[in-house]
């Protein structure tokens, strides 16, 4: 009986899980503009798409995460093309 009670308590509602994915997508996309855009950009894309597919209540945040994930990859492409590096360079 304790096993059943434990598994019931640890499960999340599907809508709540999708909402968490939408928020995580947004945060990763936003952070990816500053650091680790090679990693955080694709993560934001995947989490945003999964949140939308699972029917999140925070659809706008998931879409924003998708847009920011694409922006991360665009910034990465511009950096690689301009400087031939995948890092920011503030010094001249």
N, C-alpha and C. Protein backbone atom coordinates (compact mmCIF):
# COMPACT_ATOMS: atom_id res chain seq x y z
N UNK A 1 0.81 -1.19 0.00
CA UNK A 1 0.00 0.00 0.00
C UNK A 1 0.86 1.26 0.00
N UNK A 2 2.00 1.23 0.70
CA UNK A 2 2.88 2.39 0.73
C UNK A 2 3.48 2.68 -0.63
N UNK A 3 3.78 1.63 -1.40
CA UNK A 3 4.34 1.81 -2.72
C UNK A 3 3.37 2.55 -3.63
N UNK A 4 2.11 2.21 -3.57
CA UNK A 4 1.09 2.87 -4.37
C UNK A 4 0.95 4.33 -3.97
N UNK A 5 0.97 4.59 -2.68
CA UNK A 5 0.85 5.96 -2.20
C UNK A 5 2.05 6.79 -2.61
N UNK A 6 3.23 6.20 -2.59
CA UNK A 6 4.45 6.92 -2.96
C UNK A 6 4.45 7.26 -4.44
N UNK A 7 4.08 6.33 -5.30
CA UNK A 7 4.07 6.60 -6.73
C UNK A 7 2.99 7.60 -7.10
N UNK A 8 1.90 7.62 -6.38
CA UNK A 8 0.84 8.58 -6.68
C UNK A 8 1.27 9.99 -6.30
N UNK A 9 2.00 10.13 -5.23
CA UNK A 9 2.45 11.45 -4.80
C UNK A 9 3.54 12.02 -5.70
N UNK A 10 4.38 11.19 -6.26
CA UNK A 10 5.50 11.69 -7.05
C UNK A 10 5.12 12.00 -8.49
N UNK A 11 3.99 11.53 -8.95
CA UNK A 11 3.56 11.83 -10.31
C UNK A 11 3.05 13.26 -10.41
N UNK A 12 3.35 13.90 -11.54
CA UNK A 12 2.87 15.25 -11.79
C UNK A 12 1.73 15.19 -12.79
N UNK A 13 0.89 16.19 -12.73
CA UNK A 13 -0.17 16.29 -13.72
C UNK A 13 0.44 16.65 -15.06
N UNK A 14 -0.06 16.08 -16.16
CA UNK A 14 0.52 16.34 -17.48
C UNK A 14 0.51 17.83 -17.86
N UNK A 15 -0.52 18.56 -17.52
CA UNK A 15 -0.58 19.98 -17.84
C UNK A 15 0.46 20.77 -17.09
N UNK A 16 0.68 20.42 -15.85
CA UNK A 16 1.67 21.12 -15.03
C UNK A 16 3.09 20.83 -15.54
N UNK A 17 3.32 19.62 -15.97
CA UNK A 17 4.63 19.26 -16.53
C UNK A 17 4.88 20.04 -17.82
N UNK A 18 3.88 20.18 -18.66
CA UNK A 18 4.02 20.93 -19.90
C UNK A 18 4.26 22.41 -19.61
N UNK A 19 3.61 22.95 -18.58
CA UNK A 19 3.84 24.34 -18.19
C UNK A 19 5.28 24.54 -17.73
N UNK A 20 5.80 23.58 -16.98
CA UNK A 20 7.19 23.66 -16.53
C UNK A 20 8.15 23.60 -17.71
N UNK A 21 7.83 22.79 -18.71
CA UNK A 21 8.66 22.72 -19.91
C UNK A 21 8.65 24.05 -20.66
N UNK A 22 7.49 24.70 -20.71
CA UNK A 22 7.39 25.99 -21.39
C UNK A 22 8.25 27.04 -20.71
N UNK A 23 8.19 27.08 -19.39
CA UNK A 23 9.01 28.04 -18.63
C UNK A 23 10.49 27.72 -18.80
N UNK A 24 10.85 26.46 -18.73
CA UNK A 24 12.25 26.06 -18.90
C UNK A 24 12.75 26.42 -20.30
N UNK A 25 11.91 26.26 -21.29
CA UNK A 25 12.28 26.61 -22.66
C UNK A 25 12.56 28.11 -22.76
N UNK A 26 11.71 28.91 -22.17
CA UNK A 26 11.90 30.35 -22.19
C UNK A 26 13.19 30.76 -21.50
N UNK A 27 13.43 30.21 -20.31
CA UNK A 27 14.63 30.55 -19.54
C UNK A 27 15.89 30.10 -20.26
N UNK A 28 15.89 28.89 -20.81
CA UNK A 28 17.07 28.41 -21.53
C UNK A 28 17.33 29.23 -22.78
N UNK A 29 16.27 29.61 -23.48
CA UNK A 29 16.45 30.44 -24.66
C UNK A 29 17.01 31.80 -24.32
N UNK A 30 16.54 32.37 -23.22
CA UNK A 30 17.02 33.67 -22.78
C UNK A 30 18.48 33.61 -22.34
N UNK A 31 18.82 32.61 -21.56
CA UNK A 31 20.21 32.44 -21.12
C UNK A 31 21.13 32.10 -22.29
N UNK A 32 20.60 31.39 -23.26
CA UNK A 32 21.40 30.99 -24.41
C UNK A 32 21.87 32.17 -25.24
N UNK A 33 21.18 33.30 -25.14
CA UNK A 33 21.65 34.48 -25.86
C UNK A 33 22.95 35.01 -25.27
N UNK A 34 23.19 34.69 -24.00
CA UNK A 34 24.38 35.20 -23.32
C UNK A 34 25.50 34.17 -23.24
N UNK A 35 25.16 32.93 -22.88
CA UNK A 35 26.18 31.89 -22.68
C UNK A 35 25.67 30.56 -23.22
N UNK A 36 26.57 29.71 -23.61
CA UNK A 36 26.28 28.33 -24.03
C UNK A 36 25.17 28.22 -25.07
N UNK A 37 25.19 29.12 -26.07
CA UNK A 37 24.12 29.08 -27.07
C UNK A 37 24.13 27.80 -27.89
N UNK A 38 25.26 27.14 -27.96
CA UNK A 38 25.34 25.87 -28.69
C UNK A 38 24.53 24.78 -28.00
N UNK A 39 24.44 24.83 -26.68
CA UNK A 39 23.73 23.81 -25.91
C UNK A 39 22.31 24.27 -25.57
N UNK A 40 22.18 25.49 -25.07
CA UNK A 40 20.89 25.96 -24.58
C UNK A 40 19.89 26.26 -25.70
N UNK A 41 20.37 26.65 -26.87
CA UNK A 41 19.47 26.92 -28.00
C UNK A 41 18.67 25.69 -28.42
N UNK A 42 19.35 24.57 -28.73
CA UNK A 42 18.60 23.36 -29.09
C UNK A 42 17.72 22.83 -27.94
N UNK A 43 18.20 22.96 -26.70
CA UNK A 43 17.38 22.53 -25.55
C UNK A 43 16.09 23.35 -25.48
N UNK A 44 16.20 24.66 -25.71
CA UNK A 44 15.02 25.52 -25.70
C UNK A 44 14.05 25.12 -26.81
N UNK A 45 14.59 24.78 -27.96
CA UNK A 45 13.74 24.35 -29.08
C UNK A 45 12.98 23.07 -28.75
N UNK A 46 13.70 22.10 -28.22
CA UNK A 46 13.08 20.80 -27.91
C UNK A 46 12.03 20.95 -26.81
N UNK A 47 12.37 21.65 -25.74
CA UNK A 47 11.42 21.81 -24.63
C UNK A 47 10.20 22.62 -25.05
N UNK A 48 10.40 23.65 -25.86
CA UNK A 48 9.27 24.44 -26.34
C UNK A 48 8.33 23.62 -27.21
N UNK A 49 8.91 22.83 -28.11
CA UNK A 49 8.08 21.98 -28.98
C UNK A 49 7.33 20.91 -28.18
N UNK A 50 8.01 20.32 -27.18
CA UNK A 50 7.35 19.31 -26.36
C UNK A 50 6.23 19.93 -25.52
N UNK A 51 6.44 21.14 -25.02
CA UNK A 51 5.41 21.80 -24.22
C UNK A 51 4.18 22.09 -25.07
N UNK A 52 4.39 22.55 -26.29
CA UNK A 52 3.25 22.83 -27.17
C UNK A 52 2.54 21.54 -27.55
N UNK A 53 3.29 20.49 -27.82
CA UNK A 53 2.70 19.20 -28.19
C UNK A 53 1.89 18.61 -27.04
N UNK A 54 2.30 18.87 -25.81
CA UNK A 54 1.58 18.33 -24.65
C UNK A 54 0.45 19.24 -24.17
N UNK A 55 0.24 20.34 -24.85
CA UNK A 55 -0.89 21.20 -24.54
C UNK A 55 -0.70 22.07 -23.31
N UNK A 56 0.36 22.84 -23.30
CA UNK A 56 0.64 23.70 -22.16
C UNK A 56 -0.35 24.85 -22.06
N UNK A 57 -0.57 25.31 -20.87
CA UNK A 57 -1.40 26.49 -20.65
C UNK A 57 -0.60 27.76 -20.87
N UNK A 58 0.71 27.64 -20.95
CA UNK A 58 1.60 28.78 -21.16
C UNK A 58 2.14 28.73 -22.59
N UNK A 59 1.24 28.71 -23.52
CA UNK A 59 1.60 28.56 -24.93
C UNK A 59 2.49 29.70 -25.42
N UNK A 60 2.20 30.93 -25.01
CA UNK A 60 3.00 32.08 -25.44
C UNK A 60 4.44 31.95 -24.95
N UNK A 61 4.62 31.47 -23.73
CA UNK A 61 5.97 31.32 -23.19
C UNK A 61 6.72 30.22 -23.94
N UNK A 62 6.02 29.16 -24.32
CA UNK A 62 6.65 28.08 -25.08
C UNK A 62 7.06 28.58 -26.47
N UNK A 63 6.21 29.38 -27.10
CA UNK A 63 6.53 29.93 -28.42
C UNK A 63 7.71 30.90 -28.30
N UNK A 64 7.73 31.69 -27.24
CA UNK A 64 8.85 32.58 -27.00
C UNK A 64 10.14 31.79 -26.80
N UNK A 65 10.05 30.65 -26.13
CA UNK A 65 11.21 29.78 -25.97
C UNK A 65 11.70 29.26 -27.30
N UNK A 66 10.78 28.90 -28.18
CA UNK A 66 11.15 28.46 -29.53
C UNK A 66 11.86 29.57 -30.30
N UNK A 67 11.30 30.77 -30.23
CA UNK A 67 11.89 31.91 -30.94
C UNK A 67 13.27 32.23 -30.40
N UNK A 68 13.41 32.21 -29.07
CA UNK A 68 14.72 32.48 -28.47
C UNK A 68 15.73 31.37 -28.79
N UNK A 69 15.26 30.13 -28.87
CA UNK A 69 16.14 29.03 -29.26
C UNK A 69 16.67 29.21 -30.67
N UNK A 70 15.82 29.66 -31.58
CA UNK A 70 16.25 29.94 -32.95
C UNK A 70 17.23 31.12 -32.94
N UNK A 71 16.92 32.15 -32.14
CA UNK A 71 17.82 33.30 -32.05
C UNK A 71 19.19 32.89 -31.51
N UNK A 72 19.22 31.96 -30.56
CA UNK A 72 20.50 31.45 -30.05
C UNK A 72 21.33 30.84 -31.17
N UNK A 73 20.70 30.06 -32.00
CA UNK A 73 21.42 29.41 -33.10
C UNK A 73 21.84 30.42 -34.17
N UNK A 74 21.04 31.45 -34.37
CA UNK A 74 21.41 32.51 -35.32
C UNK A 74 22.63 33.27 -34.79
N UNK A 75 22.62 33.60 -33.50
CA UNK A 75 23.77 34.27 -32.89
C UNK A 75 25.01 33.39 -33.02
N UNK A 76 24.86 32.11 -32.78
CA UNK A 76 25.98 31.18 -32.92
C UNK A 76 26.52 31.19 -34.36
N UNK A 77 25.62 31.15 -35.33
CA UNK A 77 26.04 31.14 -36.74
C UNK A 77 26.76 32.44 -37.10
N UNK A 78 26.27 33.57 -36.59
CA UNK A 78 26.92 34.85 -36.87
C UNK A 78 28.30 34.89 -36.24
N UNK A 79 28.42 34.41 -35.00
CA UNK A 79 29.72 34.40 -34.33
C UNK A 79 30.72 33.51 -35.05
N UNK A 80 30.28 32.35 -35.46
CA UNK A 80 31.17 31.43 -36.15
C UNK A 80 31.60 32.02 -37.49
N UNK A 81 30.67 32.66 -38.19
CA UNK A 81 30.99 33.24 -39.49
C UNK A 81 31.91 34.44 -39.36
N UNK A 82 31.66 35.30 -38.39
CA UNK A 82 32.43 36.54 -38.24
C UNK A 82 33.81 36.31 -37.63
N UNK A 83 33.86 35.55 -36.55
CA UNK A 83 35.12 35.41 -35.80
C UNK A 83 35.75 34.03 -35.91
N UNK A 84 35.07 33.09 -36.52
CA UNK A 84 35.52 31.70 -36.58
C UNK A 84 35.71 31.12 -35.18
N UNK A 85 34.83 31.51 -34.28
CA UNK A 85 34.85 31.01 -32.90
C UNK A 85 33.42 30.87 -32.40
N UNK A 86 33.23 30.10 -31.36
CA UNK A 86 31.89 29.92 -30.81
C UNK A 86 31.73 30.66 -29.49
N UNK A 87 32.61 31.62 -29.21
CA UNK A 87 32.53 32.35 -27.95
C UNK A 87 32.45 33.85 -28.21
N UNK A 88 31.92 34.56 -27.21
CA UNK A 88 31.86 36.02 -27.28
C UNK A 88 33.27 36.55 -27.09
N UNK A 89 33.55 37.66 -27.73
CA UNK A 89 34.86 38.27 -27.57
C UNK A 89 34.64 39.77 -27.43
N UNK A 90 34.84 40.28 -26.20
CA UNK A 90 34.62 41.69 -25.94
C UNK A 90 35.85 42.54 -26.21
N UNK A 91 37.02 41.97 -26.06
CA UNK A 91 38.26 42.72 -26.28
C UNK A 91 38.51 42.86 -27.77
N UNK A 92 39.17 43.94 -28.16
CA UNK A 92 39.45 44.20 -29.56
C UNK A 92 40.48 43.31 -30.08
